[in-house]
C-alpha atoms as a PDB file:
ATOM      1  CA  TYR A   1      32.398  10.690 -26.754  1.00  0.00           C
ATOM      2  CA  ILE A   2      30.812  10.415 -23.321  1.00  0.00           C
ATOM      3  CA  LEU A   3      34.144  10.896 -21.536  1.00  0.00           C
ATOM      4  CA  HIS A   4      35.433  13.692 -23.752  1.00  0.00           C
ATOM      5  CA  TYR A   5      32.186  15.628 -24.253  1.00  0.00           C
ATOM      6  CA  PRO A   6      30.039  14.950 -21.172  1.00  0.00           C
ATOM      7  CA  GLU A   7      27.672  17.902 -21.713  1.00  0.00           C
ATOM      8  CA  LYS A   8      27.029  17.016 -25.347  1.00  0.00           C
ATOM      9  CA  ALA A   9      26.620  13.385 -24.354  1.00  0.00           C
ATOM     10  CA  LYS A  10      23.913  14.331 -21.845  1.00  0.00           C
ATOM     11  CA  GLU A  11      22.102  16.431 -24.434  1.00  0.00           C
ATOM     12  CA  ALA A  12      22.229  13.545 -26.879  1.00  0.00           C
ATOM     13  CA  ASN A  13      21.132  11.053 -24.199  1.00  0.00           C
ATOM     14  CA  ALA A  14      24.228   9.026 -25.059  1.00  0.00           C
ATOM     15  CA  GLU A  15      24.454   7.182 -21.750  1.00  0.00           C
ATOM     16  CA  GLU A  16      20.850   6.058 -22.000  1.00  0.00           C
ATOM     17  CA  GLU A  17      21.463   4.817 -25.535  1.00  0.00           C
ATOM     18  CA  LEU A  18      24.645   3.028 -24.490  1.00  0.00           C
ATOM     19  CA  ALA A  19      22.899   1.261 -21.588  1.00  0.00           C
ATOM     20  CA  GLY A  20      20.092   0.250 -23.957  1.00  0.00           C
ATOM     21  CA  LEU A  21      22.557  -1.168 -26.466  1.00  0.00           C
ATOM     22  CA  HIS A  22      24.249  -3.192 -23.740  1.00  0.00           C
ATOM     23  CA  GLU A  23      20.864  -4.525 -22.642  1.00  0.00           C
ATOM     24  CA  GLU A  24      19.856  -5.413 -26.202  1.00  0.00           C
ATOM     25  CA  THR A  25      23.076  -7.388 -26.641  1.00  0.00           C
ATOM     26  CA  ARG A  26      22.638  -9.011 -23.216  1.00  0.00           C
ATOM     27  CA  GLU A  27      25.767  -7.373 -21.834  1.00  0.00           C
ATOM     28  CA  TYR A  28      24.028  -6.751 -18.528  1.00  0.00           C
ATOM     29  CA  ALA A  29      27.140  -6.084 -16.449  1.00  0.00           C
ATOM     30  CA  ALA A  30      28.132  -3.294 -18.840  1.00  0.00           C
ATOM     31  CA  ALA A  31      24.588  -1.909 -18.818  1.00  0.00           C
ATOM     32  CA  ILE A  32      24.550  -1.918 -15.020  1.00  0.00           C
ATOM     33  CA  GLU A  33      27.850  -0.027 -14.947  1.00  0.00           C
ATOM     34  CA  VAL A  34      26.464   2.697 -17.219  1.00  0.00           C
ATOM     35  CA  LEU A  35      23.162   2.902 -15.312  1.00  0.00           C
ATOM     36  CA  GLU A  36      24.956   3.159 -11.967  1.00  0.00           C
ATOM     37  CA  ALA A  37      27.086   6.017 -13.322  1.00  0.00           C
ATOM     38  CA  MET A  38      23.931   7.780 -14.530  1.00  0.00           C
ATOM     39  CA  ARG A  39      22.300   7.382 -11.121  1.00  0.00           C
ATOM     40  CA  LYS A  40      25.194   8.312  -8.821  1.00  0.00           C
ATOM     41  CA  ASP A  41      24.472  12.047  -8.446  1.00  0.00           C
ATOM     42  CA  LEU A  42      20.682  11.852  -8.421  1.00  0.00           C
ATOM     43  CA  PRO A  43      18.539  12.364  -5.307  1.00  0.00           C
ATOM     44  CA  LYS A  44      17.630   8.954  -3.881  1.00  0.00           C
ATOM     45  CA  ASP A  45      13.960   9.821  -3.502  1.00  0.00           C
ATOM     46  CA  GLY A  46      13.468  11.005  -7.081  1.00  0.00           C
ATOM     47  CA  ASP A  47      11.663   9.279  -9.941  1.00  0.00           C
ATOM     48  CA  ARG A  48      14.731   9.120 -12.181  1.00  0.00           C
ATOM     49  CA  TYR A  49      16.774   7.447  -9.434  1.00  0.00           C
ATOM     50  CA  ALA A  50      13.958   4.950  -8.893  1.00  0.00           C
ATOM     51  CA  GLU A  51      13.652   4.276 -12.621  1.00  0.00           C
ATOM     52  CA  LEU A  52      17.367   3.602 -13.000  1.00  0.00           C
ATOM     53  CA  SER A  53      17.465   1.476  -9.835  1.00  0.00           C
ATOM     54  CA  ALA A  54      14.569  -0.661 -11.063  1.00  0.00           C
ATOM     55  CA  ARG A  55      16.343  -1.100 -14.388  1.00  0.00           C
ATOM     56  CA  ILE A  56      19.577  -2.098 -12.639  1.00  0.00           C
ATOM     57  CA  ALA A  57      17.699  -4.645 -10.540  1.00  0.00           C
ATOM     58  CA  GLU A  58      16.002  -6.086 -13.620  1.00  0.00           C
ATOM     59  CA  ASP A  59      19.365  -6.350 -15.392  1.00  0.00           C
ATOM     60  CA  HIS A  60      20.683  -8.283 -12.393  1.00  0.00           C
ATOM     61  CA  VAL A  61      17.727 -10.665 -12.735  1.00  0.00           C
ATOM     62  CA  LEU A  62      18.357 -11.067 -16.467  1.00  0.00           C
ATOM     63  CA  GLN A  63      22.023 -11.901 -15.919  1.00  0.00           C
ATOM     64  CA  GLY A  64      21.028 -14.519 -13.359  1.00  0.00           C
ATOM     65  CA  SER A  65      22.099 -12.655 -10.234  1.00  0.00           C
ATOM     66  CA  ALA A  66      18.970 -12.743  -8.093  1.00  0.00           C
ATOM     67  CA  PRO A  67      20.847 -11.881  -4.852  1.00  0.00           C
ATOM     68  CA  ALA A  68      22.168  -8.663  -6.426  1.00  0.00           C
ATOM     69  CA  ALA A  69      18.661  -7.856  -7.681  1.00  0.00           C
ATOM     70  CA  VAL A  70      17.250  -8.400  -4.181  1.00  0.00           C
ATOM     71  CA  LEU A  71      19.798  -5.968  -2.719  1.00  0.00           C
ATOM     72  CA  GLU A  72      19.015  -3.386  -5.386  1.00  0.00           C
ATOM     73  CA  TYR A  73      15.251  -3.643  -4.857  1.00  0.00           C
ATOM     74  CA  GLU A  74      15.685  -3.497  -1.067  1.00  0.00           C
ATOM     75  CA  LYS A  75      17.782  -0.310  -1.364  1.00  0.00           C
ATOM     76  CA  LEU A  76      15.222   1.216  -3.716  1.00  0.00           C
ATOM     77  CA  ILE A  77      12.293   0.394  -1.453  1.00  0.00           C
ATOM     78  CA  SER A  78      14.011   1.722   1.672  1.00  0.00           C
ATOM     79  CA  GLY A  79      14.427   5.169   0.126  1.00  0.00           C
ATOM     80  CA  LEU A  80      10.852   5.730  -1.022  1.00  0.00           C
ATOM     81  CA  ALA A  81       7.558   6.649   0.628  1.00  0.00           C
ATOM     82  CA  PRO A  82       5.325   3.662   1.501  1.00  0.00           C
ATOM     83  CA  LYS A  83       2.649   4.548  -1.046  1.00  0.00           C
ATOM     84  CA  SER A  84       5.082   5.448  -3.840  1.00  0.00           C
ATOM     85  CA  THR A  85       4.248   3.753  -7.129  1.00  0.00           C
ATOM     86  CA  TRP A  86       7.936   2.987  -7.646  1.00  0.00           C
ATOM     87  CA  ARG A  87       8.107   1.371  -4.203  1.00  0.00           C
ATOM     88  CA  LEU A  88       5.015  -0.744  -4.789  1.00  0.00           C
ATOM     89  CA  ASN A  89       6.201  -1.912  -8.213  1.00  0.00           C
ATOM     90  CA  ALA A  90       9.627  -2.776  -6.792  1.00  0.00           C
ATOM     91  CA  SER A  91       7.949  -4.563  -3.872  1.00  0.00           C
ATOM     92  CA  ILE A  92       5.974  -6.755  -6.254  1.00  0.00           C
ATOM     93  CA  LYS A  93       9.136  -7.755  -8.105  1.00  0.00           C
ATOM     94  CA  LEU A  94      11.072  -8.229  -4.870  1.00  0.00           C
ATOM     95  CA  VAL A  95       8.433 -10.423  -3.274  1.00  0.00           C
ATOM     96  CA  ASP A  96       8.574 -12.685  -6.325  1.00  0.00           C
ATOM     97  CA  LEU A  97      12.340 -13.054  -5.819  1.00  0.00           C
ATOM     98  CA  TYR A  98      11.798 -13.792  -2.129  1.00  0.00           C
ATOM     99  CA  GLU A  99       9.335 -16.545  -3.000  1.00  0.00           C
ATOM    100  CA  LYS A 100      11.653 -18.079  -5.599  1.00  0.00           C
ATOM    101  CA  ALA A 101      14.396 -18.154  -2.965  1.00  0.00           C
ATOM    102  CA  GLU A 102      11.911 -19.566  -0.421  1.00  0.00           C
ATOM    103  CA  GLN A 103      12.489 -16.614   1.886  1.00  0.00           C
ATOM    104  CA  TRP A 104       8.991 -16.899   3.294  1.00  0.00           C
ATOM    105  CA  THR A 105       9.360 -14.562   6.271  1.00  0.00           C
ATOM    106  CA  GLU A 106      10.579 -11.739   4.016  1.00  0.00           C
ATOM    107  CA  ALA A 107       7.822 -12.487   1.505  1.00  0.00           C
ATOM    108  CA  VAL A 108       5.154 -12.328   4.218  1.00  0.00           C
ATOM    109  CA  ARG A 109       6.497  -9.032   5.550  1.00  0.00           C
ATOM    110  CA  LEU A 110       6.446  -7.513   2.079  1.00  0.00           C
ATOM    111  CA  TYR A 111       3.005  -8.885   1.175  1.00  0.00           C
ATOM    112  CA  GLU A 112       1.643  -7.355   4.386  1.00  0.00           C
ATOM    113  CA  GLU A 113       3.150  -4.015   3.370  1.00  0.00           C
ATOM    114  CA  ILE A 114       1.606  -4.308  -0.095  1.00  0.00           C
ATOM    115  CA  VAL A 115      -1.817  -5.050   1.445  1.00  0.00           C
ATOM    116  CA  LYS A 116      -1.470  -1.967   3.632  1.00  0.00           C
ATOM    117  CA  ASN A 117      -0.252   0.446   0.930  1.00  0.00           C
ATOM    118  CA  ALA A 118      -1.406  -0.751  -2.487  1.00  0.00           C
ATOM    119  CA  PRO A 119      -3.649   1.749  -4.286  1.00  0.00           C
ATOM    120  CA  LYS A 120      -5.371  -0.890  -6.403  1.00  0.00           C
ATOM    121  CA  ASP A 121      -7.865  -3.409  -5.045  1.00  0.00           C
ATOM    122  CA  GLU A 122      -6.561  -6.142  -7.358  1.00  0.00           C
ATOM    123  CA  TRP A 123      -3.056  -5.754  -5.884  1.00  0.00           C
ATOM    124  CA  VAL A 124      -4.498  -6.075  -2.377  1.00  0.00           C
ATOM    125  CA  ARG A 125      -6.522  -9.169  -3.354  1.00  0.00           C
ATOM    126  CA  ALA A 126      -3.509 -10.797  -5.010  1.00  0.00           C
ATOM    127  CA  ALA A 127      -1.260 -10.072  -2.014  1.00  0.00           C
ATOM    128  CA  LYS A 128      -3.873 -11.451   0.408  1.00  0.00           C
ATOM    129  CA  ALA A 129      -4.199 -14.592  -1.715  1.00  0.00           C
ATOM    130  CA  ARG A 130      -0.431 -15.133  -1.618  1.00  0.00           C
ATOM    131  CA  LEU A 131      -0.407 -14.532   2.151  1.00  0.00           C
ATOM    132  CA  ASP A 132      -3.148 -17.150   2.582  1.00  0.00           C
ATOM    133  CA  TYR A 133      -1.166 -19.593   0.444  1.00  0.00           C
ATOM    134  CA  ILE A 134       2.059 -19.054   2.389  1.00  0.00           C
ATOM    135  CA  ARG A 135       0.252 -19.349   5.716  1.00  0.00           C
ATOM    136  CA  SER A 136      -1.369 -22.612   4.641  1.00  0.00           C
ATOM    137  CA  THR A 137       1.827 -24.165   3.280  1.00  0.00           C
ATOM    138  CA  HIS A 138       4.298 -22.785   5.837  1.00  0.00           C
ATOM    139  CA  PRO A 139       2.532 -22.686   9.222  1.00  0.00           C
ATOM    140  CA  GLU A 140       5.895 -22.574  11.012  1.00  0.00           C
ATOM    141  CA  ILE A 141       6.458 -18.967   9.935  1.00  0.00           C
ATOM    142  CA  SER A 142       5.698 -16.368  12.565  1.00  0.00           C
ATOM    143  CA  LEU A 143       3.035 -14.136  11.083  1.00  0.00           C
ATOM    144  CA  LYS A 144       1.077 -11.073  12.118  1.00  0.00           C
ATOM    145  CA  HIS A 145      -2.603 -11.604  12.883  1.00  0.00           C
END
């Protein structure tokens, strides 16, 4: 249907439904393929592109491919304004992946960016608390002062 009637498929939101079905059945690789096809012609600084990219990254996490998720979040973040809500949300998820992988330098860099750009005081407080923790447990890391 999608291949033979692409305009009708878009009107019916068929690709979105197909990606959702793949996600519900835990067929994340298939979902990622559909989501990437949906995203390919979108402007990289748009909300829809960011939404699909975040979903692709989350599907990578769910299928156990943290390195692929990291790359997806890094690409997403690099294309958005520093104070973009999409960028900040992706940064929060990415910094968690950095910590799980014990990539402390990257985590510190991203926490510092969150402190600088987060619109919510609780995000700033949480990022500062994590920075303090990392600094106290990993003094060998070169940090900004």
